[in-house]
């Protein structure tokens, strides 16, 4: 499966901080019903067996909705379950090595904060870039803030699709208009909401509006 620009419109990154008695599977399904177009499974604290089990279940769920499914950072599990791909940060496995391990047909996303990082990721086989944090965020303690000018500069420098991430909400997404991105990635703007399906629906509408300019 290769990465299509339109699949990156509303990219949901999972976080089990807000389960409140529900399962992550249920929350991801609600997000998909609301119109999420891409899912990244991000697990920092699950043991390998539980992660493997969960990844298999959510992969099947995303396949039902015909939405690409990638795993954050864990290239081994992505390969074992046949995920659509993997997303890596600057301190994770290098894109070139990920490509060698997963093969030519998998989606590889890379986080970038500078034009230099973006160009290197593109050269090494990344299919898309996640750029941020574009706004202050509480979801990632180590997030570096990247302003609108930098986002625009990265979009102009590369040929692969760019999505913005970090602190994006239904209220500020419109500020990204004209930046050159093809979509947004969110965590708390979907998964921290009481009505996940509705949150995803509104966010998708506002993102489409922002992209129409």
C-alpha atoms as a PDB file:
ATOM      1  CA  UNK A   1       0.000   0.000   0.000  1.00  0.00           C
ATOM      2  CA  UNK A   2       1.423   3.345  -0.988  1.00  0.00           C
ATOM      3  CA  UNK A   3       0.633   6.660   0.598  1.00  0.00           C
ATOM      4  CA  UNK A   4      -2.001   8.778  -1.111  1.00  0.00           C
ATOM      5  CA  UNK A   5      -2.144  12.483  -0.268  1.00  0.00           C
ATOM      6  CA  UNK A   6      -5.885  12.339   0.416  1.00  0.00           C
ATOM      7  CA  UNK A   7      -5.348   9.591   3.024  1.00  0.00           C
ATOM      8  CA  UNK A   8      -3.396  12.094   5.126  1.00  0.00           C
ATOM      9  CA  UNK A   9      -6.284  14.547   5.560  1.00  0.00           C
ATOM     10  CA  UNK A  10      -7.155  13.593   9.154  1.00  0.00           C
ATOM     11  CA  UNK A  11      -4.478  11.447  10.744  1.00  0.00           C
ATOM     12  CA  UNK A  12      -5.238  10.096  14.229  1.00  0.00           C
ATOM     13  CA  UNK A  13      -2.439   9.110  16.619  1.00  0.00           C
ATOM     14  CA  UNK A  14      -3.652   6.868  19.437  1.00  0.00           C
ATOM     15  CA  UNK A  15      -3.125   7.512  23.124  1.00  0.00           C
ATOM     16  CA  UNK A  16      -4.509   5.365  25.921  1.00  0.00           C
ATOM     17  CA  UNK A  17      -4.461   8.250  28.427  1.00  0.00           C
ATOM     18  CA  UNK A  18      -8.188   8.854  27.994  1.00  0.00           C
ATOM     19  CA  UNK A  19      -9.698   5.360  27.872  1.00  0.00           C
ATOM     20  CA  UNK A  20     -12.030   5.915  30.854  1.00  0.00           C
ATOM     21  CA  UNK A  21     -13.135   2.293  30.984  1.00  0.00           C
ATOM     22  CA  UNK A  22     -13.313   1.861  27.220  1.00  0.00           C
ATOM     23  CA  UNK A  23     -10.892  -0.055  25.017  1.00  0.00           C
ATOM     24  CA  UNK A  24      -8.546   1.571  22.547  1.00  0.00           C
ATOM     25  CA  UNK A  25     -10.231  -0.521  19.835  1.00  0.00           C
ATOM     26  CA  UNK A  26     -13.602   1.070  20.637  1.00  0.00           C
ATOM     27  CA  UNK A  27     -12.097   4.549  20.582  1.00  0.00           C
ATOM     28  CA  UNK A  28     -10.353   3.979  17.246  1.00  0.00           C
ATOM     29  CA  UNK A  29     -13.590   2.659  15.759  1.00  0.00           C
ATOM     30  CA  UNK A  30     -15.425   5.802  16.896  1.00  0.00           C
ATOM     31  CA  UNK A  31     -12.707   7.945  15.297  1.00  0.00           C
ATOM     32  CA  UNK A  32     -13.013   5.987  12.041  1.00  0.00           C
ATOM     33  CA  UNK A  33     -16.788   6.413  12.049  1.00  0.00           C
ATOM     34  CA  UNK A  34     -16.218  10.154  12.449  1.00  0.00           C
ATOM     35  CA  UNK A  35     -14.090  10.295   9.312  1.00  0.00           C
ATOM     36  CA  UNK A  36     -10.472   9.754  10.314  1.00  0.00           C
ATOM     37  CA  UNK A  37      -8.475   8.902   7.166  1.00  0.00           C
ATOM     38  CA  UNK A  38      -5.266   7.436   8.655  1.00  0.00           C
ATOM     39  CA  UNK A  39      -4.406   5.734  11.973  1.00  0.00           C
ATOM     40  CA  UNK A  40      -1.078   5.523  13.796  1.00  0.00           C
ATOM     41  CA  UNK A  41      -0.869   3.165  16.765  1.00  0.00           C
ATOM     42  CA  UNK A  42       1.404   4.770  19.349  1.00  0.00           C
ATOM     43  CA  UNK A  43       2.224   2.702  22.438  1.00  0.00           C
ATOM     44  CA  UNK A  44       5.110   3.607  24.674  1.00  0.00           C
ATOM     45  CA  UNK A  45       4.309   1.467  27.715  1.00  0.00           C
ATOM     46  CA  UNK A  46       2.674  -1.797  26.595  1.00  0.00           C
ATOM     47  CA  UNK A  47       4.690  -4.997  26.752  1.00  0.00           C
ATOM     48  CA  UNK A  48       5.515  -6.630  23.416  1.00  0.00           C
ATOM     49  CA  UNK A  49       2.837  -9.365  23.558  1.00  0.00           C
ATOM     50  CA  UNK A  50       0.008  -6.976  24.458  1.00  0.00           C
ATOM     51  CA  UNK A  51       1.208  -4.524  21.810  1.00  0.00           C
ATOM     52  CA  UNK A  52       1.314  -7.293  19.186  1.00  0.00           C
ATOM     53  CA  UNK A  53      -2.227  -8.422  20.042  1.00  0.00           C
ATOM     54  CA  UNK A  54      -3.609  -4.886  19.992  1.00  0.00           C
ATOM     55  CA  UNK A  55      -1.811  -4.025  16.742  1.00  0.00           C
ATOM     56  CA  UNK A  56      -3.347  -7.042  14.996  1.00  0.00           C
ATOM     57  CA  UNK A  57      -6.860  -6.099  16.130  1.00  0.00           C
ATOM     58  CA  UNK A  58      -6.582  -2.457  15.119  1.00  0.00           C
ATOM     59  CA  UNK A  59      -4.981  -3.386  11.796  1.00  0.00           C
ATOM     60  CA  UNK A  60      -8.066  -5.516  10.986  1.00  0.00           C
ATOM     61  CA  UNK A  61     -10.370  -2.680  12.082  1.00  0.00           C
ATOM     62  CA  UNK A  62      -8.621  -0.133   9.842  1.00  0.00           C
ATOM     63  CA  UNK A  63      -8.766  -2.581   6.918  1.00  0.00           C
ATOM     64  CA  UNK A  64     -12.569  -2.754   7.333  1.00  0.00           C
ATOM     65  CA  UNK A  65     -12.716   1.027   6.956  1.00  0.00           C
ATOM     66  CA  UNK A  66     -10.099   0.986   4.148  1.00  0.00           C
ATOM     67  CA  UNK A  67      -7.889   3.373   6.118  1.00  0.00           C
ATOM     68  CA  UNK A  68      -4.065   3.053   6.205  1.00  0.00           C
ATOM     69  CA  UNK A  69      -2.661   1.751   9.493  1.00  0.00           C
ATOM     70  CA  UNK A  70       0.906   2.407  10.644  1.00  0.00           C
ATOM     71  CA  UNK A  71       2.779   1.761  13.857  1.00  0.00           C
ATOM     72  CA  UNK A  72       4.814   4.344  15.710  1.00  0.00           C
ATOM     73  CA  UNK A  73       8.494   3.486  16.024  1.00  0.00           C
ATOM     74  CA  UNK A  74       8.215  -0.328  16.456  1.00  0.00           C
ATOM     75  CA  UNK A  75       9.486  -1.588  13.103  1.00  0.00           C
ATOM     76  CA  UNK A  76       9.627  -5.205  14.341  1.00  0.00           C
ATOM     77  CA  UNK A  77       5.922  -5.357  15.180  1.00  0.00           C
ATOM     78  CA  UNK A  78       4.976  -3.488  12.009  1.00  0.00           C
ATOM     79  CA  UNK A  79       6.826  -6.164  10.023  1.00  0.00           C
ATOM     80  CA  UNK A  80       5.384  -9.076  12.039  1.00  0.00           C
ATOM     81  CA  UNK A  81       1.749  -8.075  11.666  1.00  0.00           C
ATOM     82  CA  UNK A  82       2.041  -6.748   8.114  1.00  0.00           C
ATOM     83  CA  UNK A  83       1.000  -3.186   9.032  1.00  0.00           C
ATOM     84  CA  UNK A  84       0.740  -0.731   6.148  1.00  0.00           C
ATOM     85  CA  UNK A  85       3.866   0.965   7.444  1.00  0.00           C
ATOM     86  CA  UNK A  86       5.624   2.724  10.262  1.00  0.00           C
ATOM     87  CA  UNK A  87       6.215   6.252  11.533  1.00  0.00           C
ATOM     88  CA  UNK A  88       9.606   7.143  13.004  1.00  0.00           C
ATOM     89  CA  UNK A  89      10.953  10.166  14.838  1.00  0.00           C
ATOM     90  CA  UNK A  90      14.388  11.720  14.552  1.00  0.00           C
ATOM     91  CA  UNK A  91      15.726   9.566  17.400  1.00  0.00           C
ATOM     92  CA  UNK A  92      14.228   6.289  16.090  1.00  0.00           C
ATOM     93  CA  UNK A  93      15.466   3.983  13.322  1.00  0.00           C
ATOM     94  CA  UNK A  94      16.645   5.881  10.227  1.00  0.00           C
ATOM     95  CA  UNK A  95      14.223   5.913   7.243  1.00  0.00           C
ATOM     96  CA  UNK A  96      16.793   4.185   5.024  1.00  0.00           C
ATOM     97  CA  UNK A  97      17.052   1.258   7.472  1.00  0.00           C
ATOM     98  CA  UNK A  98      13.274   1.095   7.911  1.00  0.00           C
ATOM     99  CA  UNK A  99      12.851   0.884   4.128  1.00  0.00           C
ATOM    100  CA  UNK A 100      15.449  -1.899   3.925  1.00  0.00           C
ATOM    101  CA  UNK A 101      13.584  -3.841   6.608  1.00  0.00           C
ATOM    102  CA  UNK A 102       9.990  -3.309   5.437  1.00  0.00           C
ATOM    103  CA  UNK A 103      10.476  -3.299   1.668  1.00  0.00           C
ATOM    104  CA  UNK A 104       9.384  -0.941  -1.117  1.00  0.00           C
ATOM    105  CA  UNK A 105       5.609  -1.216  -0.692  1.00  0.00           C
ATOM    106  CA  UNK A 106       5.210  -0.031   2.891  1.00  0.00           C
ATOM    107  CA  UNK A 107       4.406   3.510   4.024  1.00  0.00           C
ATOM    108  CA  UNK A 108       7.176   5.271   5.925  1.00  0.00           C
ATOM    109  CA  UNK A 109       6.464   8.509   7.747  1.00  0.00           C
ATOM    110  CA  UNK A 110       9.154  10.604   9.408  1.00  0.00           C
ATOM    111  CA  UNK A 111       8.890  13.433  11.945  1.00  0.00           C
ATOM    112  CA  UNK A 112      10.828  16.547  10.924  1.00  0.00           C
ATOM    113  CA  UNK A 113      11.368  19.942  12.527  1.00  0.00           C
ATOM    114  CA  UNK A 114      13.777  21.496  10.020  1.00  0.00           C
ATOM    115  CA  UNK A 115      14.147  21.759   6.245  1.00  0.00           C
ATOM    116  CA  UNK A 116      17.412  19.808   6.519  1.00  0.00           C
ATOM    117  CA  UNK A 117      15.706  16.897   8.352  1.00  0.00           C
ATOM    118  CA  UNK A 118      12.843  16.982   5.850  1.00  0.00           C
ATOM    119  CA  UNK A 119      15.123  16.792   2.812  1.00  0.00           C
ATOM    120  CA  UNK A 120      17.164  13.979   4.351  1.00  0.00           C
ATOM    121  CA  UNK A 121      13.994  11.979   5.156  1.00  0.00           C
ATOM    122  CA  UNK A 122      12.734  12.441   1.581  1.00  0.00           C
ATOM    123  CA  UNK A 123      16.084  11.377   0.151  1.00  0.00           C
ATOM    124  CA  UNK A 124      16.089   8.287   2.361  1.00  0.00           C
ATOM    125  CA  UNK A 125      12.711   7.070   1.192  1.00  0.00           C
ATOM    126  CA  UNK A 126      10.079   8.666   3.444  1.00  0.00           C
ATOM    127  CA  UNK A 127       6.578   8.755   1.925  1.00  0.00           C
ATOM    128  CA  UNK A 128       5.328  11.649   4.040  1.00  0.00           C
ATOM    129  CA  UNK A 129       6.500  13.985   6.805  1.00  0.00           C
ATOM    130  CA  UNK A 130       4.919  14.898  10.119  1.00  0.00           C
ATOM    131  CA  UNK A 131       5.995  18.452  10.998  1.00  0.00           C
ATOM    132  CA  UNK A 132       5.508  20.028  14.406  1.00  0.00           C
ATOM    133  CA  UNK A 133       4.666  20.881  17.032  1.00  0.00           C
ATOM    134  CA  UNK A 134       2.852  23.659  15.141  1.00  0.00           C
ATOM    135  CA  UNK A 135       1.093  24.858  18.315  1.00  0.00           C
ATOM    136  CA  UNK A 136       1.942  24.290  22.011  1.00  0.00           C
ATOM    137  CA  UNK A 137       0.993  20.729  22.979  1.00  0.00           C
ATOM    138  CA  UNK A 138       0.575  18.726  26.154  1.00  0.00           C
ATOM    139  CA  UNK A 139       0.513  15.316  24.412  1.00  0.00           C
ATOM    140  CA  UNK A 140       4.275  15.088  23.905  1.00  0.00           C
ATOM    141  CA  UNK A 141       6.545  16.307  26.672  1.00  0.00           C
ATOM    142  CA  UNK A 142       9.562  16.641  24.363  1.00  0.00           C
ATOM    143  CA  UNK A 143       7.765  18.453  21.523  1.00  0.00           C
ATOM    144  CA  UNK A 144       9.693  21.281  19.861  1.00  0.00           C
ATOM    145  CA  UNK A 145       7.539  24.128  18.588  1.00  0.00           C
ATOM    146  CA  UNK A 146       7.814  24.781  14.857  1.00  0.00           C
ATOM    147  CA  UNK A 147       6.231  28.022  13.628  1.00  0.00           C
ATOM    148  CA  UNK A 148       4.056  28.526  10.508  1.00  0.00           C
ATOM    149  CA  UNK A 149       6.980  29.951   8.505  1.00  0.00           C
ATOM    150  CA  UNK A 150       9.041  26.796   9.078  1.00  0.00           C
ATOM    151  CA  UNK A 151       6.092  24.582   8.099  1.00  0.00           C
ATOM    152  CA  UNK A 152       5.724  26.547   4.869  1.00  0.00           C
ATOM    153  CA  UNK A 153       9.470  26.353   4.171  1.00  0.00           C
ATOM    154  CA  UNK A 154       9.449  22.559   4.636  1.00  0.00           C
ATOM    155  CA  UNK A 155       6.414  22.164   2.363  1.00  0.00           C
ATOM    156  CA  UNK A 156       8.165  24.217  -0.317  1.00  0.00           C
ATOM    157  CA  UNK A 157      11.418  22.271   0.002  1.00  0.00           C
ATOM    158  CA  UNK A 158      10.072  18.725  -0.435  1.00  0.00           C
ATOM    159  CA  UNK A 159       7.978  16.870  -3.017  1.00  0.00           C
ATOM    160  CA  UNK A 160       6.383  14.407  -0.582  1.00  0.00           C
ATOM    161  CA  UNK A 161       3.188  15.198   1.381  1.00  0.00           C
ATOM    162  CA  UNK A 162       3.501  17.065   4.689  1.00  0.00           C
ATOM    163  CA  UNK A 163       1.100  16.924   7.620  1.00  0.00           C
ATOM    164  CA  UNK A 164       1.133  19.274  10.591  1.00  0.00           C
ATOM    165  CA  UNK A 165       1.035  17.907  14.133  1.00  0.00           C
ATOM    166  CA  UNK A 166       1.057  19.338  17.644  1.00  0.00           C
ATOM    167  CA  UNK A 167      -1.593  21.220  19.570  1.00  0.00           C
ATOM    168  CA  UNK A 168      -4.048  21.314  16.652  1.00  0.00           C
ATOM    169  CA  UNK A 169      -7.723  21.734  17.573  1.00  0.00           C
ATOM    170  CA  UNK A 170     -10.961  22.455  15.730  1.00  0.00           C
ATOM    171  CA  UNK A 171     -10.522  26.097  16.757  1.00  0.00           C
ATOM    172  CA  UNK A 172      -6.982  26.734  15.483  1.00  0.00           C
ATOM    173  CA  UNK A 173      -6.757  24.422  12.443  1.00  0.00           C
ATOM    174  CA  UNK A 174      -7.873  27.274  10.184  1.00  0.00           C
ATOM    175  CA  UNK A 175      -4.615  29.115  11.053  1.00  0.00           C
ATOM    176  CA  UNK A 176      -2.738  26.516   8.975  1.00  0.00           C
ATOM    177  CA  UNK A 177      -4.419  27.740   5.786  1.00  0.00           C
ATOM    178  CA  UNK A 178      -1.979  28.318   2.932  1.00  0.00           C
ATOM    179  CA  UNK A 179       0.925  26.549   4.641  1.00  0.00           C
ATOM    180  CA  UNK A 180       1.208  23.843   1.978  1.00  0.00           C
ATOM    181  CA  UNK A 181       0.261  20.908   4.233  1.00  0.00           C
ATOM    182  CA  UNK A 182      -2.133  18.239   2.949  1.00  0.00           C
ATOM    183  CA  UNK A 183      -3.604  17.327   6.335  1.00  0.00           C
ATOM    184  CA  UNK A 184      -3.267  17.300  10.098  1.00  0.00           C
ATOM    185  CA  UNK A 185      -2.325  14.740  12.736  1.00  0.00           C
ATOM    186  CA  UNK A 186      -3.998  14.914  16.124  1.00  0.00           C
ATOM    187  CA  UNK A 187      -4.023  13.045  19.425  1.00  0.00           C
ATOM    188  CA  UNK A 188      -5.998  14.790  22.189  1.00  0.00           C
ATOM    189  CA  UNK A 189      -8.265  16.729  19.787  1.00  0.00           C
ATOM    190  CA  UNK A 190      -9.907  13.363  19.081  1.00  0.00           C
ATOM    191  CA  UNK A 191      -9.060  10.871  21.817  1.00  0.00           C
ATOM    192  CA  UNK A 192      -9.454  13.206  24.807  1.00  0.00           C
ATOM    193  CA  UNK A 193     -12.991  14.135  23.738  1.00  0.00           C
ATOM    194  CA  UNK A 194     -16.097  12.624  25.275  1.00  0.00           C
ATOM    195  CA  UNK A 195     -17.731  12.119  21.875  1.00  0.00           C
ATOM    196  CA  UNK A 196     -14.842  10.914  19.725  1.00  0.00           C
ATOM    197  CA  UNK A 197     -16.933  10.355  16.605  1.00  0.00           C
ATOM    198  CA  UNK A 198     -18.339  13.884  16.706  1.00  0.00           C
ATOM    199  CA  UNK A 199     -14.901  15.398  17.448  1.00  0.00           C
ATOM    200  CA  UNK A 200     -13.453  13.624  14.407  1.00  0.00           C
ATOM    201  CA  UNK A 201     -16.359  14.698  12.198  1.00  0.00           C
ATOM    202  CA  UNK A 202     -15.998  18.398  13.096  1.00  0.00           C
ATOM    203  CA  UNK A 203     -12.212  18.291  12.779  1.00  0.00           C
ATOM    204  CA  UNK A 204     -12.467  16.694   9.336  1.00  0.00           C
ATOM    205  CA  UNK A 205     -14.945  19.340   8.149  1.00  0.00           C
ATOM    206  CA  UNK A 206     -12.740  22.174   9.410  1.00  0.00           C
ATOM    207  CA  UNK A 207      -9.595  20.635   7.920  1.00  0.00           C
ATOM    208  CA  UNK A 208     -11.289  20.305   4.526  1.00  0.00           C
ATOM    209  CA  UNK A 209     -12.373  23.945   4.838  1.00  0.00           C
ATOM    210  CA  UNK A 210      -8.811  25.004   5.722  1.00  0.00           C
ATOM    211  CA  UNK A 211      -7.376  23.113   2.715  1.00  0.00           C
ATOM    212  CA  UNK A 212      -9.892  24.705   0.362  1.00  0.00           C
ATOM    213  CA  UNK A 213      -8.399  28.000   1.504  1.00  0.00           C
END
